[in-house]
Amino acid sequence: MALERGECCARFNSDGREPKLTRVALSWSSGKDSAWVLHLLRQQADIHISALITTFNTKADRVAMHAVRRSLVEEQAKRVGIPLWAVELPWPCSNLQYEDRMRAVCQRATAEGVTAVAFGDLFLQDVRDYRIRQLQGSGLEPLFPVWQIPTEQLSRDMIAAGVKAKVTCVDPSKIARSFAGREYDLSLLKDLPTGADPCGENGEFHTFVYDTPVFSQPIDVQAGEVVERDGFVFADVLTVSARGR
């Protein structure tokens, strides 16, 4: 029987016994790649996602880099039924401050029985190595469920599976400003310039997911104001109920 929207697979082995669960915290950017990691992990009967970890720019009250409103990330967490652990970052934020706050959330994770942290990194080896170094000595294992999946195929798999997202941040040195606010779909992939990664792994763009196979229901959103700041172009994302505010 097909699973209903947001439903997890049954957590039983072939012999009818419930497997030993690995409790995982997921690094949650609010974008498509972390949403796809959740989709993949929820298909594994021996994994339990205990928390979504999101870093927020406290001054702006938005997701760091993606610039997504906190309220929208809270809506995502409600739709997957997983607690949101907010990591509050000052602005500006030094690397030392960032690492101090990440160390604190790692301590919380181990105290609550979490044994692994999952990331949505695709192919940037230096980023992967940094994650691994961050977790050394913490008692937490790093997981990279989408590592080295070819992004040309991955982008199309996500779209075909029903991942729906808006582009919230664009690096105008890599792709045109006009991509900000666009729907992440086949049309966008077709319009990307030669050399741009279809998943934005080189920092070309970031996204906000408003629907995925693991959401209980979509988040009704629209693209809002587009602004340029700190060398990036940001498209605000609003819930439809906030239209006109």
Protein backbone atom coordinates (compact mmCIF):
# COMPACT_ATOMS: atom_id res chain seq x y z
CA MET A 1 0.00 0.00 0.00
CA ALA A 2 1.36 3.44 -0.91
CA LEU A 3 2.31 5.78 1.90
CA GLU A 4 0.16 8.82 2.49
CA ARG A 5 1.67 12.31 2.51
CA GLY A 6 4.06 12.75 5.42
CA GLU A 7 3.78 9.13 6.58
CA CYS A 8 6.89 7.23 7.61
CA CYS A 9 7.65 3.68 6.60
CA ALA A 10 6.89 0.99 9.21
CA ARG A 11 9.78 0.57 11.63
CA PHE A 12 10.03 -3.21 11.72
CA ASN A 13 12.55 -5.75 10.48
CA SER A 14 11.53 -8.61 8.21
CA ASP A 15 11.29 -10.87 11.28
CA GLY A 16 8.74 -8.53 12.87
CA ARG A 17 11.10 -7.09 15.47
CA GLU A 18 11.47 -3.34 15.89
CA PRO A 19 15.03 -2.35 14.91
CA LYS A 20 17.40 -0.44 17.16
CA LEU A 21 16.97 3.20 16.19
CA THR A 22 19.76 5.64 15.46
CA ARG A 23 18.69 9.04 16.71
CA VAL A 24 19.72 11.70 14.20
CA ALA A 25 19.66 15.49 14.24
CA LEU A 26 19.35 17.00 10.76
CA SER A 27 21.09 20.20 9.72
CA TRP A 28 18.10 22.04 8.27
CA SER A 29 18.77 25.03 6.02
CA SER A 30 15.08 25.34 5.01
CA GLY A 31 16.11 24.46 1.45
CA LYS A 32 15.64 21.61 -0.98
CA ASP A 33 18.77 19.58 -0.21
CA SER A 34 18.11 19.24 3.52
CA ALA A 35 14.47 18.44 2.73
CA TRP A 36 15.61 15.68 0.39
CA VAL A 37 17.91 14.28 3.09
CA LEU A 38 14.89 14.07 5.39
CA HIS A 39 12.92 12.32 2.65
CA LEU A 40 15.69 9.72 2.23
CA LEU A 41 16.30 9.18 5.95
CA ARG A 42 12.62 8.66 6.66
CA GLN A 43 12.71 5.67 4.34
CA GLN A 44 15.22 3.95 6.65
CA ALA A 45 13.51 1.96 9.37
CA ASP A 46 16.48 2.16 11.76
CA ILE A 47 16.70 5.97 11.80
CA HIS A 48 14.70 8.39 13.91
CA ILE A 49 15.01 12.11 13.18
CA SER A 50 15.02 13.77 16.59
CA ALA A 51 15.56 17.42 15.67
CA LEU A 52 16.03 19.95 12.91
CA ILE A 53 19.01 22.23 13.56
CA THR A 54 18.76 25.67 11.94
CA THR A 55 21.08 28.65 12.32
CA PHE A 56 19.36 32.03 12.55
CA ASN A 57 20.70 35.52 12.12
CA THR A 58 19.21 36.84 15.36
CA LYS A 59 19.34 40.47 14.27
CA ALA A 60 17.26 39.80 11.14
CA ASP A 61 15.30 36.88 12.65
CA ARG A 62 15.97 34.90 9.49
CA VAL A 63 17.85 31.78 8.46
CA ALA A 64 21.53 32.55 8.04
CA MET A 65 22.42 32.92 4.33
CA HIS A 66 19.03 31.74 3.01
CA ALA A 67 17.36 34.80 4.62
CA VAL A 68 14.11 32.88 5.22
CA ARG A 69 11.81 34.18 7.95
CA ARG A 70 11.91 32.20 11.21
CA SER A 71 8.12 31.79 11.15
CA LEU A 72 8.35 29.90 7.86
CA VAL A 73 10.95 27.48 9.22
CA GLU A 74 8.67 26.89 12.19
CA GLU A 75 5.90 26.02 9.73
CA GLN A 76 8.21 23.52 8.03
CA ALA A 77 8.97 21.87 11.37
CA LYS A 78 5.26 21.57 12.13
CA ARG A 79 4.63 19.88 8.80
CA VAL A 80 7.26 17.21 9.40
CA GLY A 81 6.46 16.83 13.09
CA ILE A 82 10.05 17.29 14.26
CA PRO A 83 11.30 19.72 16.96
CA LEU A 84 13.20 22.74 15.66
CA TRP A 85 16.42 23.57 17.46
CA ALA A 86 17.31 27.18 16.72
CA VAL A 87 20.97 28.15 16.84
CA GLU A 88 21.07 31.90 17.47
CA LEU A 89 23.92 33.70 15.69
CA PRO A 90 24.79 37.37 16.20
CA TRP A 91 25.36 39.65 13.23
CA PRO A 92 28.10 40.04 12.34
CA CYS A 93 29.19 36.59 13.49
CA SER A 94 32.81 35.49 13.82
CA ASN A 95 33.85 31.92 13.11
CA LEU A 96 34.68 31.52 16.81
CA GLN A 97 31.16 32.59 17.81
CA TYR A 98 29.67 30.23 15.22
CA GLU A 99 31.69 27.27 16.47
CA ASP A 100 30.87 28.03 20.12
CA ARG A 101 27.14 27.93 19.36
CA MET A 102 27.44 24.78 17.27
CA ARG A 103 29.39 23.13 20.07
CA ALA A 104 26.54 23.94 22.45
CA VAL A 105 23.92 22.38 20.16
CA CYS A 106 26.10 19.28 19.82
CA GLN A 107 26.22 19.00 23.61
CA ARG A 108 22.43 19.28 23.69
CA ALA A 109 22.16 16.55 21.07
CA THR A 110 24.29 14.04 22.96
CA ALA A 111 22.48 14.87 26.21
CA GLU A 112 19.19 13.99 24.49
CA GLY A 113 20.44 10.69 23.10
CA VAL A 114 21.26 11.80 19.56
CA THR A 115 24.21 9.91 18.08
CA ALA A 116 24.52 11.38 14.57
CA VAL A 117 24.08 14.61 12.63
CA ALA A 118 23.02 14.51 8.98
CA PHE A 119 24.02 17.12 6.39
CA GLY A 120 22.85 17.89 2.86
CA ASP A 121 26.30 18.48 1.36
CA LEU A 122 26.69 17.21 -2.19
CA PHE A 123 30.28 17.43 -3.41
CA LEU A 124 32.29 20.20 -1.73
CA GLN A 125 35.07 18.25 -0.01
CA ASP A 126 36.31 21.19 2.07
CA VAL A 127 32.82 21.69 3.55
CA ARG A 128 32.49 17.98 4.32
CA ASP A 129 35.92 17.95 5.99
CA TYR A 130 34.93 20.98 8.09
CA ARG A 131 31.74 19.23 9.27
CA ILE A 132 33.74 16.17 10.26
CA ARG A 133 36.26 18.27 12.20
CA GLN A 134 33.41 20.09 13.97
CA LEU A 135 32.02 16.82 15.29
CA GLN A 136 35.31 15.24 16.32
CA GLY A 137 35.23 14.40 20.00
CA SER A 138 31.53 15.27 20.32
CA GLY A 139 30.26 11.70 20.30
CA LEU A 140 28.24 12.47 17.18
CA GLU A 141 28.73 10.74 13.84
CA PRO A 142 28.48 12.85 10.67
CA LEU A 143 26.13 11.50 7.98
CA PHE A 144 26.07 12.65 4.35
CA PRO A 145 23.10 10.88 2.71
CA VAL A 146 23.24 12.78 -0.61
CA TRP A 147 27.02 12.94 -0.92
CA GLN A 148 28.25 12.65 -4.54
CA ILE A 149 24.82 11.98 -6.02
CA PRO A 150 25.19 13.57 -9.49
CA THR A 151 23.42 16.90 -9.17
CA GLU A 152 22.05 16.85 -12.71
CA GLN A 153 20.07 13.74 -11.80
CA LEU A 154 19.39 14.77 -8.20
CA SER A 155 17.78 18.06 -9.23
CA ARG A 156 15.38 16.27 -11.54
CA ASP A 157 14.64 13.52 -9.03
CA MET A 158 13.66 16.09 -6.40
CA ILE A 159 11.39 17.97 -8.76
CA ALA A 160 9.79 14.76 -10.05
CA ALA A 161 9.15 13.60 -6.47
CA GLY A 162 7.22 16.76 -5.63
CA VAL A 163 9.82 18.95 -3.94
CA LYS A 164 8.63 22.53 -4.45
CA ALA A 165 10.81 25.49 -3.57
CA LYS A 166 11.40 29.18 -4.16
CA VAL A 167 14.84 30.67 -4.83
CA THR A 168 15.53 33.00 -1.91
CA CYS A 169 19.14 34.02 -2.45
CA VAL A 170 21.26 34.48 -5.57
CA ASP A 171 24.95 35.19 -6.01
CA PRO A 172 24.82 37.64 -8.94
CA SER A 173 28.46 36.94 -9.78
CA LYS A 174 27.41 33.42 -10.75
CA ILE A 175 23.84 33.62 -12.08
CA ALA A 176 21.49 36.44 -13.10
CA ARG A 177 19.67 38.48 -10.45
CA SER A 178 16.38 37.54 -12.12
CA PHE A 179 16.59 34.02 -10.66
CA ALA A 180 15.75 35.42 -7.20
CA GLY A 181 12.16 34.57 -6.32
CA ARG A 182 11.75 32.01 -9.08
CA GLU A 183 10.26 28.57 -8.70
CA TYR A 184 12.79 25.74 -8.51
CA ASP A 185 11.55 23.68 -11.45
CA LEU A 186 12.58 22.26 -14.81
CA SER A 187 12.23 25.66 -16.42
CA LEU A 188 14.74 27.13 -13.98
CA LEU A 189 17.17 24.28 -14.61
CA LYS A 190 16.93 24.90 -18.34
CA ASP A 191 17.65 28.62 -17.86
CA LEU A 192 20.73 28.20 -15.68
CA PRO A 193 23.92 29.31 -17.45
CA THR A 194 26.54 26.80 -18.52
CA GLY A 195 28.69 25.85 -15.55
CA ALA A 196 26.09 26.65 -12.89
CA ASP A 197 25.31 23.70 -10.67
CA PRO A 198 21.64 22.62 -10.92
CA CYS A 199 21.48 22.26 -7.15
CA GLY A 200 23.37 25.49 -6.44
CA GLU A 201 26.09 23.61 -4.60
CA ASN A 202 28.73 26.18 -5.53
CA GLY A 203 26.68 28.93 -3.88
CA GLU A 204 24.87 30.05 -7.03
CA PHE A 205 21.54 30.13 -5.20
CA HIS A 206 19.66 28.99 -2.09
CA THR A 207 16.04 27.90 -1.73
CA PHE A 208 13.08 27.65 0.63
CA VAL A 209 11.01 24.46 0.41
CA TYR A 210 7.27 24.95 0.76
CA ASP A 211 6.24 21.40 -0.12
CA THR A 212 7.91 17.98 -0.09
CA PRO A 213 6.72 14.35 0.11
CA VAL A 214 7.30 14.44 3.88
CA PHE A 215 5.21 17.53 4.60
CA SER A 216 1.77 16.90 6.06
CA GLN A 217 0.54 19.72 3.81
CA PRO A 218 2.10 22.50 1.69
CA ILE A 219 2.92 25.95 3.01
CA ASP A 220 0.99 28.50 0.98
CA VAL A 221 3.59 31.09 -0.05
CA GLN A 222 4.40 33.79 -2.55
CA ALA A 223 7.60 35.60 -3.50
CA GLY A 224 7.88 39.05 -1.98
CA GLU A 225 10.27 41.98 -2.25
CA VAL A 226 13.64 41.46 -3.95
CA VAL A 227 16.60 43.37 -2.48
CA GLU A 228 20.37 43.44 -2.96
CA ARG A 229 22.50 43.33 0.18
CA ASP A 230 26.08 42.39 1.04
CA GLY A 231 26.78 41.31 -2.53
CA PHE A 232 23.79 38.96 -2.79
CA VAL A 233 20.25 39.26 -4.14
CA PHE A 234 17.51 38.13 -1.76
CA ALA A 235 13.86 37.40 -2.52
CA ASP A 236 11.60 37.49 0.50
CA VAL A 237 9.13 34.62 0.90
CA LEU A 238 5.77 35.34 2.50
CA THR A 239 2.89 33.20 3.56
CA VAL A 240 -0.17 34.08 1.51
CA SER A 241 -1.89 35.21 4.71
CA ALA A 242 0.85 37.86 5.06
CA ARG A 243 0.13 39.35 1.63
CA GLY A 244 -0.01 43.11 1.71
CA ARG A 245 1.75 43.51 5.04
